[in-house]
Amino acid sequence: MTALRWSITARLTVLYALSALGMLLLAAVFLHWSLVANLHREDGQFLADKISLLRTILGQNGPGTDSLQEEVEWETAALHFAKYYARILDANGRILIETPGMGAILPASVFPATLAPPRYQSALASKSFHGGQKFILLAASADPALPHSRQIQVALDISPQETFLQNYRRSLAWAILFGVLFSAVTGAWVARHGMRPIAELTRSTDRISASQLHERIASDSWPPELESLARGFDRMLDRLQDSFGRLSRFSGDLAHELRTPINNLRGEAGVALSQSRSPEEYRRIIESSLEEYARLSRLIDNLLFLARSDSPTASISRQPCNATLAVQSLFDFYEALAEDRGVSLRCSGHVEVSADPLLLRQALSNLVSNALNHTSRGGKVEVILKGQPDGSSRIQVSDTGCGIPEIHLPHIFDRLYQADPSRSRSSGGAGLGLAIVKTIMTLHQGEVSVESKVGLGSSFVLHFPAVASRTNNSLS
């Protein structure tokens, strides 16, 4: 069973809704708490003011005056929006005067203890009684200076406030619900609008195919967050287009290289079968065919080597190699050919590299053979070996041949690339020698570079990294 995968739009919508819910809940709790605290404070101040008023009336006129009766009996009944009750008790707890009907609702025994004025607001007692009415109660001494003086009891009916708070909480709940729904709808729209560039980027990439690798998607209209992605995708397309182009050229050149010896073999076989030949003629045809077979064999071997080296798992087995001895061994092999062509061979310097001996010899052989093929009589081929201060090694193969035009230098390490196809084919080359050299240096984590001037010669440099940075692996 596959796990549920949410789209980015859905995730953003949920996050918007949850964040809105959190903020609205915090705001609702704060507003409710602030309102309840303000109402509680105002109620306390109202009752404290009434106690102060009753204490003033008692101090000036006594308990039997018309002013006290008017305040306790008539003033309390006259209020419509703030219904409160008042009661005066003597020192023995007998009722002297109270708001009509107060005794049935609020007996004297339910009031808290008598307190001094500074503690009025902190001593409010909330009581619930029959009929769903809710009161806050406060009791105080009529004369704080006398320990046994008359008592004042006041109460405020806060049932309308409770009804108001219930309605207020209900309104807050609806506000939170609609706020979350609005946030979800808005978040979905914002997420879809924000994800639109990604959808456009997807449509742009869908239009690209193997036959349309020239198209690019980067432009100044992308948001900054996607601009780097678009440019990275374009760089990938550049590499793919270059690789496809190289592959197309490689396929065409390979077909041409294979077609030439095969056509030669077919032609010679057809001529041989067209009429009877002498044994000497058959021998000559077979020898010529063997040369073409050898050329095909070398081409196939080189292509197989390059194919194996392109594998991600390709590696080599390295060991310390005396590069000077390797160069001298090659010079012994090419000495006869060099004398025949009137080219001198020279080697100077000494260096030891960590490399695969066979691959090192093949790379040097390809460079020396290439130098001999392009150096005229009277010229020279020189190999200079030198260690570098950073521990790396440098092997330079130079010649005084015809040189390579500058236009060809960026491509001479490409497979089957031939700066002078006619000369390469006449000498049996297929344009893979320098490509093999580059591959060998890549396997050694090294580099190969070239400098050349037409008419003055060429100089190829093999740069092997320091021994400490190398590892020993096996070529598979």
Protein backbone atom coordinates (compact mmCIF):
# COMPACT_ATOMS: atom_id res chain seq x y z
CA MET A 1 0.00 0.00 0.00
CA THR A 2 1.52 3.27 -1.12
CA ALA A 3 1.74 6.15 1.35
CA LEU A 4 -0.41 9.21 0.77
CA ARG A 5 1.63 11.91 -0.94
CA TRP A 6 0.48 15.49 -0.62
CA SER A 7 1.16 18.06 -3.27
CA ILE A 8 3.10 21.19 -2.36
CA THR A 9 -0.09 23.23 -2.89
CA ALA A 10 -1.99 21.05 -0.41
CA ARG A 11 0.82 21.23 2.12
CA LEU A 12 1.03 25.01 1.87
CA THR A 13 -2.76 25.30 2.19
CA VAL A 14 -2.77 23.18 5.37
CA LEU A 15 0.14 25.18 6.79
CA TYR A 16 -1.65 28.47 6.06
CA ALA A 17 -4.84 27.17 7.72
CA LEU A 18 -2.99 25.88 10.79
CA SER A 19 -1.03 29.09 11.20
CA ALA A 20 -4.25 31.13 10.89
CA LEU A 21 -5.95 28.84 13.44
CA GLY A 22 -3.09 29.31 15.87
CA MET A 23 -3.07 33.09 15.52
CA LEU A 24 -6.86 33.37 15.77
CA LEU A 25 -6.95 31.14 18.86
CA LEU A 26 -4.27 33.21 20.57
CA ALA A 27 -6.09 36.43 19.65
CA ALA A 28 -9.45 35.02 20.86
CA VAL A 29 -8.02 33.85 24.19
CA PHE A 30 -6.35 37.21 24.76
CA LEU A 31 -9.48 39.20 23.86
CA HIS A 32 -11.72 37.02 26.06
CA TRP A 33 -9.32 37.23 28.99
CA SER A 34 -8.97 41.01 28.56
CA LEU A 35 -12.76 41.50 28.43
CA VAL A 36 -13.41 39.31 31.50
CA ALA A 37 -10.66 41.09 33.45
CA ASN A 38 -12.06 44.53 32.56
CA LEU A 39 -15.61 43.54 33.52
CA HIS A 40 -14.41 42.05 36.80
CA ARG A 41 -12.45 45.22 37.58
CA GLU A 42 -15.39 47.48 36.73
CA ASP A 43 -17.74 45.39 38.85
CA GLY A 44 -15.35 45.61 41.77
CA GLN A 45 -15.03 49.36 41.36
CA PHE A 46 -18.83 49.68 41.19
CA LEU A 47 -19.35 47.78 44.47
CA ALA A 48 -16.48 49.62 46.16
CA ASP A 49 -18.06 52.94 45.17
CA LYS A 50 -21.42 51.82 46.60
CA ILE A 51 -19.81 50.80 49.90
CA SER A 52 -18.06 54.16 50.09
CA LEU A 53 -21.37 55.94 49.41
CA LEU A 54 -23.25 53.94 52.05
CA ARG A 55 -20.47 54.47 54.59
CA THR A 56 -20.65 58.24 53.95
CA ILE A 57 -24.44 58.30 54.40
CA LEU A 58 -24.17 56.27 57.63
CA GLY A 59 -21.45 58.50 58.97
CA GLN A 60 -23.42 61.67 58.31
CA ASN A 61 -27.06 60.76 59.00
CA GLY A 62 -27.22 57.36 60.74
CA PRO A 63 -29.16 54.22 59.78
CA GLY A 64 -32.69 55.63 59.94
CA THR A 65 -32.44 58.52 57.56
CA ASP A 66 -34.34 59.04 54.34
CA SER A 67 -31.09 59.27 52.38
CA LEU A 68 -30.07 55.76 53.40
CA GLN A 69 -33.53 54.37 52.68
CA GLU A 70 -33.57 56.05 49.28
CA GLU A 71 -30.17 54.59 48.38
CA VAL A 72 -30.84 51.07 49.65
CA GLU A 73 -34.49 50.58 48.77
CA TRP A 74 -35.26 52.88 45.86
CA GLU A 75 -31.93 53.51 44.07
CA THR A 76 -31.17 49.81 43.74
CA ALA A 77 -34.61 49.14 42.27
CA ALA A 78 -34.39 52.06 39.85
CA LEU A 79 -31.35 50.71 37.96
CA HIS A 80 -32.18 48.69 34.84
CA PHE A 81 -28.78 47.67 33.44
CA ALA A 82 -26.81 47.25 36.70
CA LYS A 83 -29.05 45.48 39.21
CA TYR A 84 -27.42 45.54 42.61
CA TYR A 85 -28.52 44.88 46.19
CA ALA A 86 -27.50 46.50 49.49
CA ARG A 87 -27.98 45.53 53.16
CA ILE A 88 -27.05 47.19 56.47
CA LEU A 89 -26.48 45.01 59.57
CA ASP A 90 -25.89 46.09 63.16
CA ALA A 91 -22.98 44.90 65.27
CA ASN A 92 -24.96 41.80 66.29
CA GLY A 93 -25.82 40.81 62.71
CA ARG A 94 -29.47 41.96 62.74
CA ILE A 95 -30.75 43.46 59.52
CA LEU A 96 -31.40 47.17 59.79
CA ILE A 97 -32.31 47.82 56.16
CA GLU A 98 -31.98 45.98 52.83
CA THR A 99 -33.11 46.09 49.24
CA PRO A 100 -36.64 44.65 48.91
CA GLY A 101 -36.51 40.91 48.08
CA MET A 102 -32.80 40.61 48.86
CA GLY A 103 -33.35 38.26 51.79
CA ALA A 104 -35.01 35.61 49.62
CA ILE A 105 -32.22 35.67 47.03
CA LEU A 106 -29.10 36.60 49.02
CA PRO A 107 -29.21 35.69 52.74
CA ALA A 108 -26.67 37.44 54.94
CA SER A 109 -24.88 34.16 55.58
CA VAL A 110 -23.70 33.80 51.97
CA PHE A 111 -21.60 36.97 52.01
CA PRO A 112 -17.84 36.78 52.60
CA ALA A 113 -16.13 38.12 55.70
CA THR A 114 -15.86 41.83 56.30
CA LEU A 115 -12.72 43.33 54.73
CA ALA A 116 -10.86 46.62 54.84
CA PRO A 117 -11.05 48.90 51.76
CA PRO A 118 -7.60 48.11 50.27
CA ARG A 119 -8.67 44.51 49.79
CA TYR A 120 -12.09 45.14 48.26
CA GLN A 121 -11.29 44.24 44.68
CA SER A 122 -9.30 41.13 45.58
CA ALA A 123 -12.11 39.77 47.79
CA LEU A 124 -15.02 39.65 45.33
CA ALA A 125 -16.91 36.39 45.70
CA SER A 126 -18.88 34.91 42.81
CA LYS A 127 -22.04 32.97 43.70
CA SER A 128 -24.68 31.21 41.63
CA PHE A 129 -28.25 30.86 42.87
CA HIS A 130 -31.59 29.58 41.74
CA GLY A 131 -33.06 30.77 38.50
CA GLY A 132 -29.67 30.89 36.76
CA GLN A 133 -28.78 34.22 38.36
CA LYS A 134 -25.16 34.90 39.21
CA PHE A 135 -23.93 37.54 41.67
CA ILE A 136 -20.68 38.96 42.93
CA LEU A 137 -20.71 39.75 46.67
CA LEU A 138 -18.77 42.13 48.89
CA ALA A 139 -18.97 42.93 52.61
CA ALA A 140 -17.30 45.75 54.53
CA SER A 141 -17.43 47.50 57.90
CA ALA A 142 -19.31 50.77 58.10
CA ASP A 143 -16.56 52.25 60.30
CA PRO A 144 -13.17 50.59 59.81
CA ALA A 145 -11.87 52.34 62.96
CA LEU A 146 -14.32 50.47 65.24
CA PRO A 147 -13.90 46.70 65.64
CA HIS A 148 -17.66 46.12 66.30
CA SER A 149 -19.47 48.50 64.01
CA ARG A 150 -22.31 48.07 61.55
CA GLN A 151 -21.70 45.96 58.39
CA ILE A 152 -22.47 46.75 54.76
CA GLN A 153 -23.25 43.98 52.30
CA VAL A 154 -23.61 44.72 48.59
CA ALA A 155 -24.18 42.40 45.63
CA LEU A 156 -24.27 42.86 41.87
CA ASP A 157 -26.25 40.69 39.49
CA ILE A 158 -23.83 39.71 36.70
CA SER A 159 -26.19 37.34 34.87
CA PRO A 160 -26.48 39.75 31.89
CA GLN A 161 -22.67 39.82 31.73
CA GLU A 162 -22.54 36.05 31.66
CA THR A 163 -25.07 36.01 28.84
CA PHE A 164 -22.99 38.63 27.03
CA LEU A 165 -19.79 36.57 27.53
CA GLN A 166 -21.50 33.45 26.20
CA ASN A 167 -22.58 35.31 23.09
CA TYR A 168 -19.11 36.80 22.83
CA ARG A 169 -17.48 33.35 23.01
CA ARG A 170 -19.91 32.08 20.39
CA SER A 171 -19.03 35.00 18.12
CA LEU A 172 -15.33 34.31 18.63
CA ALA A 173 -15.84 30.65 17.68
CA TRP A 174 -17.64 31.63 14.46
CA ALA A 175 -14.94 34.21 13.74
CA ILE A 176 -12.24 31.54 14.18
CA LEU A 177 -14.11 29.07 11.97
CA PHE A 178 -14.68 31.57 9.15
CA GLY A 179 -11.14 32.91 9.57
CA VAL A 180 -9.66 29.43 9.15
CA LEU A 181 -11.87 28.70 6.12
CA PHE A 182 -10.95 32.04 4.56
CA SER A 183 -7.27 31.38 5.28
CA ALA A 184 -7.51 27.92 3.68
CA VAL A 185 -9.19 29.29 0.55
CA THR A 186 -6.77 32.20 0.36
CA GLY A 187 -3.80 29.91 1.07
CA ALA A 188 -4.88 27.56 -1.73
CA TRP A 189 -5.11 30.47 -4.16
CA VAL A 190 -1.76 31.89 -3.05
CA ALA A 191 -0.12 28.45 -3.26
CA ARG A 192 -1.48 27.80 -6.74
CA HIS A 193 -0.42 31.25 -7.87
CA GLY A 194 3.01 30.78 -6.32
CA MET A 195 3.43 27.34 -7.92
CA ARG A 196 2.49 28.62 -11.38
CA PRO A 197 6.13 29.29 -12.38
CA ILE A 198 6.97 25.66 -11.57
CA ALA A 199 4.10 24.50 -13.81
CA GLU A 200 5.40 26.78 -16.57
CA LEU A 201 8.90 25.40 -16.03
CA THR A 202 7.51 21.87 -16.35
CA ARG A 203 5.75 22.74 -19.59
CA SER A 204 8.97 24.25 -20.92
CA THR A 205 10.96 21.13 -20.11
CA ASP A 206 8.27 18.88 -21.64
CA ARG A 207 8.82 20.59 -24.99
CA ILE A 208 12.49 19.57 -25.01
CA SER A 209 13.37 16.32 -26.76
CA ALA A 210 16.39 14.74 -28.38
CA SER A 211 15.62 16.64 -31.58
CA GLN A 212 15.12 19.96 -29.77
CA LEU A 213 18.10 20.12 -27.44
CA HIS A 214 18.84 23.60 -28.75
CA GLU A 215 15.91 25.07 -26.81
CA ARG A 216 16.59 26.75 -23.46
CA ILE A 217 14.28 27.68 -20.60
CA ALA A 218 16.26 30.34 -18.69
CA SER A 219 14.91 33.86 -18.93
CA ASP A 220 14.64 37.01 -16.84
CA SER A 221 10.96 36.32 -16.10
CA TRP A 222 11.60 33.49 -13.64
CA PRO A 223 11.51 34.24 -9.90
CA PRO A 224 14.95 34.33 -8.27
CA GLU A 225 14.29 30.98 -6.54
CA LEU A 226 13.71 29.26 -9.91
CA GLU A 227 16.21 31.23 -11.97
CA SER A 228 19.17 29.23 -10.63
CA LEU A 229 17.27 25.98 -11.30
CA ALA A 230 16.47 27.07 -14.86
CA ARG A 231 20.08 28.06 -15.53
CA GLY A 232 21.30 24.76 -14.07
CA PHE A 233 18.88 22.92 -16.35
CA ASP A 234 20.16 24.90 -19.33
CA ARG A 235 23.74 23.99 -18.41
CA MET A 236 22.66 20.35 -18.33
CA LEU A 237 21.08 20.81 -21.78
CA ASP A 238 24.33 22.31 -23.02
CA ARG A 239 26.20 19.22 -21.85
CA LEU A 240 23.59 16.91 -23.34
CA GLN A 241 23.61 18.76 -26.64
CA ASP A 242 27.39 18.60 -26.74
CA SER A 243 27.31 14.88 -25.85
CA PHE A 244 24.65 14.15 -28.48
CA GLY A 245 26.67 16.09 -31.05
CA ARG A 246 29.82 14.20 -30.15
CA LEU A 247 27.94 10.91 -30.26
CA SER A 248 26.48 11.73 -33.67
CA ARG A 249 29.89 12.71 -35.04
CA PHE A 250 31.46 9.66 -33.41
CA SER A 251 28.87 7.35 -34.98
CA GLY A 252 29.37 8.90 -38.39
CA ASP A 253 33.17 8.78 -38.17
CA LEU A 254 33.10 5.23 -36.84
CA ALA A 255 30.87 4.11 -39.70
CA HIS A 256 33.28 5.76 -42.14
CA GLU A 257 36.34 4.18 -40.50
CA LEU A 258 34.76 0.73 -40.59
CA ARG A 259 33.42 1.13 -44.11
CA THR A 260 36.81 1.95 -45.62
CA PRO A 261 38.66 -1.29 -44.70
CA ILE A 262 35.55 -3.40 -45.33
CA ASN A 263 35.14 -1.90 -48.81
CA ASN A 264 38.84 -2.53 -49.45
CA LEU A 265 38.46 -6.16 -48.40
CA ARG A 266 35.36 -6.63 -50.54
CA GLY A 267 37.02 -5.01 -53.53
CA GLU A 268 40.17 -7.13 -53.28
CA ALA A 269 38.11 -10.30 -52.78
CA GLY A 270 35.98 -9.44 -55.82
CA VAL A 271 39.04 -8.82 -57.98
CA ALA A 272 40.60 -12.07 -56.80
CA LEU A 273 37.48 -14.05 -57.69
CA SER A 274 36.88 -12.38 -61.03
CA GLN A 275 39.46 -14.66 -62.74
CA SER A 276 42.13 -17.17 -62.01
CA ARG A 277 45.27 -15.77 -60.34
CA SER A 278 48.75 -17.00 -59.80
CA PRO A 279 49.83 -18.04 -56.28
CA GLU A 280 51.94 -14.90 -55.98
CA GLU A 281 48.91 -12.71 -56.75
CA TYR A 282 46.77 -14.58 -54.24
CA ARG A 283 49.53 -14.14 -51.67
CA ARG A 284 49.69 -10.40 -52.30
CA ILE A 285 45.90 -10.09 -51.96
CA ILE A 286 45.93 -12.06 -48.70
CA GLU A 287 48.77 -9.91 -47.30
CA SER A 288 46.86 -6.76 -48.20
CA SER A 289 43.76 -8.21 -46.55
CA LEU A 290 45.74 -8.99 -43.40
CA GLU A 291 46.78 -5.34 -43.18
CA GLU A 292 43.13 -4.29 -43.31
CA TYR A 293 42.24 -6.93 -40.72
CA ALA A 294 44.99 -5.62 -38.46
CA ARG A 295 43.67 -2.10 -38.88
CA LEU A 296 40.15 -3.27 -37.99
CA SER A 297 41.49 -5.19 -35.00
CA ARG A 298 43.36 -2.14 -33.67
CA LEU A 299 40.27 0.01 -34.16
CA ILE A 300 38.05 -2.47 -32.32
CA ASP A 301 40.56 -2.88 -29.48
CA ASN A 302 40.82 0.87 -29.04
CA LEU A 303 37.04 1.27 -29.05
CA LEU A 304 36.67 -1.50 -26.47
CA PHE A 305 39.27 0.18 -24.25
CA LEU A 306 37.46 3.51 -24.47
CA ALA A 307 34.11 1.84 -23.77
CA ARG A 308 35.47 0.09 -20.66
CA SER A 309 37.09 3.27 -19.41
CA ASP A 310 33.76 5.13 -19.69
CA SER A 311 32.18 2.79 -17.16
CA PRO A 312 31.60 4.39 -13.72
CA THR A 313 33.26 1.36 -12.11
CA ALA A 314 36.40 1.59 -14.25
CA SER A 315 39.62 1.80 -12.25
CA ILE A 316 43.27 0.92 -12.63
CA SER A 317 46.04 -0.83 -10.72
CA ARG A 318 48.90 1.57 -9.99
CA GLN A 319 52.40 1.08 -8.80
CA PRO A 320 55.61 3.14 -8.75
CA CYS A 321 56.95 3.38 -12.31
CA ASN A 322 60.27 4.76 -13.54
CA ALA A 323 59.00 6.96 -16.37
CA THR A 324 62.55 7.49 -17.70
CA LEU A 325 63.05 3.76 -18.26
CA ALA A 326 59.61 3.58 -19.94
CA VAL A 327 60.57 6.36 -22.37
CA GLN A 328 63.96 4.78 -23.16
CA SER A 329 62.25 1.44 -23.82
CA LEU A 330 59.92 3.17 -26.29
CA PHE A 331 62.86 4.90 -27.98
CA ASP A 332 64.51 1.49 -28.47
CA PHE A 333 61.30 0.31 -30.16
CA TYR A 334 60.95 3.39 -32.41
CA GLU A 335 64.67 3.87 -33.07
CA ALA A 336 64.63 2.08 -36.42
CA LEU A 337 61.58 4.01 -37.63
CA ALA A 338 63.10 7.31 -36.47
CA GLU A 339 66.37 6.63 -38.31
CA ASP A 340 64.46 5.69 -41.43
CA ARG A 341 62.60 9.00 -41.33
CA GLY A 342 65.66 11.05 -40.32
CA VAL A 343 64.21 12.14 -36.97
CA SER A 344 66.30 12.23 -33.79
CA LEU A 345 64.97 11.04 -30.42
CA ARG A 346 66.03 12.67 -27.17
CA CYS A 347 65.08 12.11 -23.51
CA SER A 348 66.08 14.26 -20.52
CA GLY A 349 65.22 14.30 -16.84
CA HIS A 350 64.16 11.65 -14.39
CA VAL A 351 60.85 11.16 -12.61
CA GLU A 352 58.92 8.35 -10.95
CA VAL A 353 55.13 8.25 -11.19
CA SER A 354 52.43 6.09 -9.62
CA ALA A 355 50.66 4.59 -12.63
CA ASP A 356 49.60 1.47 -14.41
CA PRO A 357 52.77 0.43 -16.33
CA LEU A 358 50.93 -0.78 -19.43
CA LEU A 359 48.69 2.28 -19.64
CA LEU A 360 51.64 4.63 -19.07
CA ARG A 361 53.54 2.94 -21.89
CA GLN A 362 50.49 3.12 -24.18
CA ALA A 363 49.99 6.85 -23.54
CA LEU A 364 53.67 7.61 -24.17
CA SER A 365 53.69 5.34 -27.24
CA ASN A 366 50.70 7.14 -28.75
CA LEU A 367 52.34 10.55 -28.25
CA VAL A 368 55.76 9.48 -29.57
CA SER A 369 54.19 7.70 -32.57
CA ASN A 370 52.05 10.76 -33.30
CA ALA A 371 55.13 13.01 -33.07
CA LEU A 372 57.12 10.80 -35.46
CA ASN A 373 54.27 10.73 -37.97
CA HIS A 374 54.09 14.54 -38.09
CA THR A 375 57.80 15.44 -37.95
CA SER A 376 59.72 15.97 -41.20
CA ARG A 377 63.20 14.68 -41.93
CA GLY A 378 65.85 16.50 -39.93
CA GLY A 379 63.47 17.22 -37.07
CA LYS A 380 63.53 15.88 -33.52
CA VAL A 381 61.24 14.39 -30.92
CA GLU A 382 62.12 15.19 -27.30
CA VAL A 383 60.69 13.87 -24.04
CA ILE A 384 61.34 15.96 -20.90
CA LEU A 385 60.55 14.49 -17.49
CA LYS A 386 60.39 16.74 -14.45
CA GLY A 387 59.08 16.60 -10.90
CA GLN A 388 57.10 19.55 -9.52
CA PRO A 389 57.48 21.24 -6.10
CA ASP A 390 53.98 20.08 -5.06
CA GLY A 391 54.92 16.42 -5.57
CA SER A 392 53.27 16.05 -8.97
CA SER A 393 55.07 14.88 -12.11
CA ARG A 394 55.27 16.35 -15.60
CA ILE A 395 56.11 14.49 -18.81
CA GLN A 396 56.42 16.63 -21.93
CA VAL A 397 56.55 15.16 -25.46
CA SER A 398 57.62 17.77 -28.02
CA ASP A 399 58.33 17.66 -31.73
CA THR A 400 59.47 20.06 -34.42
CA GLY A 401 56.85 18.92 -36.91
CA CYS A 402 54.21 20.74 -38.89
CA GLY A 403 52.16 21.80 -35.86
CA ILE A 404 48.40 21.86 -35.41
CA PRO A 405 46.19 24.74 -36.55
CA GLU A 406 44.63 26.59 -33.64
CA ILE A 407 41.11 25.82 -34.85
CA HIS A 408 41.71 22.09 -34.24
CA LEU A 409 43.28 22.33 -30.76
CA PRO A 410 39.98 22.22 -28.77
CA HIS A 411 38.95 19.00 -30.56
CA ILE A 412 42.09 16.93 -31.03
CA PHE A 413 41.30 14.80 -27.94
CA ASP A 414 37.84 13.94 -29.28
CA ARG A 415 37.31 10.41 -30.46
CA LEU A 416 37.82 9.83 -34.19
CA TYR A 417 38.71 13.50 -34.69
CA GLN A 418 41.38 13.99 -37.34
CA ALA A 419 42.97 17.36 -38.03
CA ASP A 420 44.37 15.94 -41.27
CA PRO A 421 42.21 12.95 -42.28
CA SER A 422 44.17 12.10 -45.42
CA ARG A 423 47.51 11.83 -43.58
CA SER A 424 45.97 9.92 -40.69
CA ARG A 425 44.35 7.33 -42.90
CA SER A 426 47.46 6.92 -45.00
CA SER A 427 49.43 6.18 -41.84
CA GLY A 428 46.82 3.76 -40.53
CA GLY A 429 45.42 6.07 -37.84
CA ALA A 430 41.76 6.34 -36.94
CA GLY A 431 41.75 9.43 -34.74
CA LEU A 432 41.68 7.50 -31.44
CA GLY A 433 45.28 7.84 -30.24
CA LEU A 434 44.94 11.19 -28.48
CA ALA A 435 41.50 10.27 -27.17
CA ILE A 436 43.06 7.20 -25.55
CA VAL A 437 45.80 9.38 -24.02
CA LYS A 438 43.20 11.67 -22.47
CA THR A 439 41.24 8.67 -21.14
CA ILE A 440 44.37 7.17 -19.59
CA MET A 441 45.19 10.46 -17.84
CA THR A 442 41.61 10.73 -16.59
CA LEU A 443 41.89 7.24 -15.09
CA HIS A 444 45.03 8.46 -13.27
CA GLN A 445 43.25 11.64 -12.04
CA GLY A 446 45.73 13.55 -14.17
CA GLU A 447 45.55 15.93 -17.11
CA VAL A 448 46.87 16.23 -20.64
CA SER A 449 47.38 19.55 -22.40
CA VAL A 450 48.80 20.69 -25.72
CA GLU A 451 50.52 23.72 -27.16
CA SER A 452 51.18 23.97 -30.86
CA LYS A 453 52.13 26.45 -33.56
CA VAL A 454 51.87 25.75 -37.25
CA GLY A 455 55.31 25.16 -38.76
CA LEU A 456 57.07 25.05 -35.35
CA GLY A 457 55.77 21.83 -33.83
CA SER A 458 53.63 20.63 -30.95
CA SER A 459 54.15 19.96 -27.26
CA PHE A 460 51.96 17.54 -25.27
CA VAL A 461 52.21 17.54 -21.47
CA LEU A 462 51.10 14.69 -19.19
CA HIS A 463 50.53 15.92 -15.63
CA PHE A 464 50.37 13.21 -12.94
CA PRO A 465 49.12 14.31 -9.47
CA ALA A 466 51.15 13.90 -6.28
CA VAL A 467 51.59 10.33 -5.08
CA ALA A 468 49.91 11.07 -1.70
CA SER A 469 46.59 11.88 -3.41
CA ARG A 470 46.37 8.64 -5.39
CA THR A 471 44.70 5.32 -4.61
CA ASN A 472 45.33 1.87 -6.06
CA ASN A 473 42.43 0.17 -7.82
CA SER A 474 41.99 -2.56 -10.40
CA LEU A 475 40.80 -1.91 -13.93
CA SER A 476 37.75 -4.05 -14.58
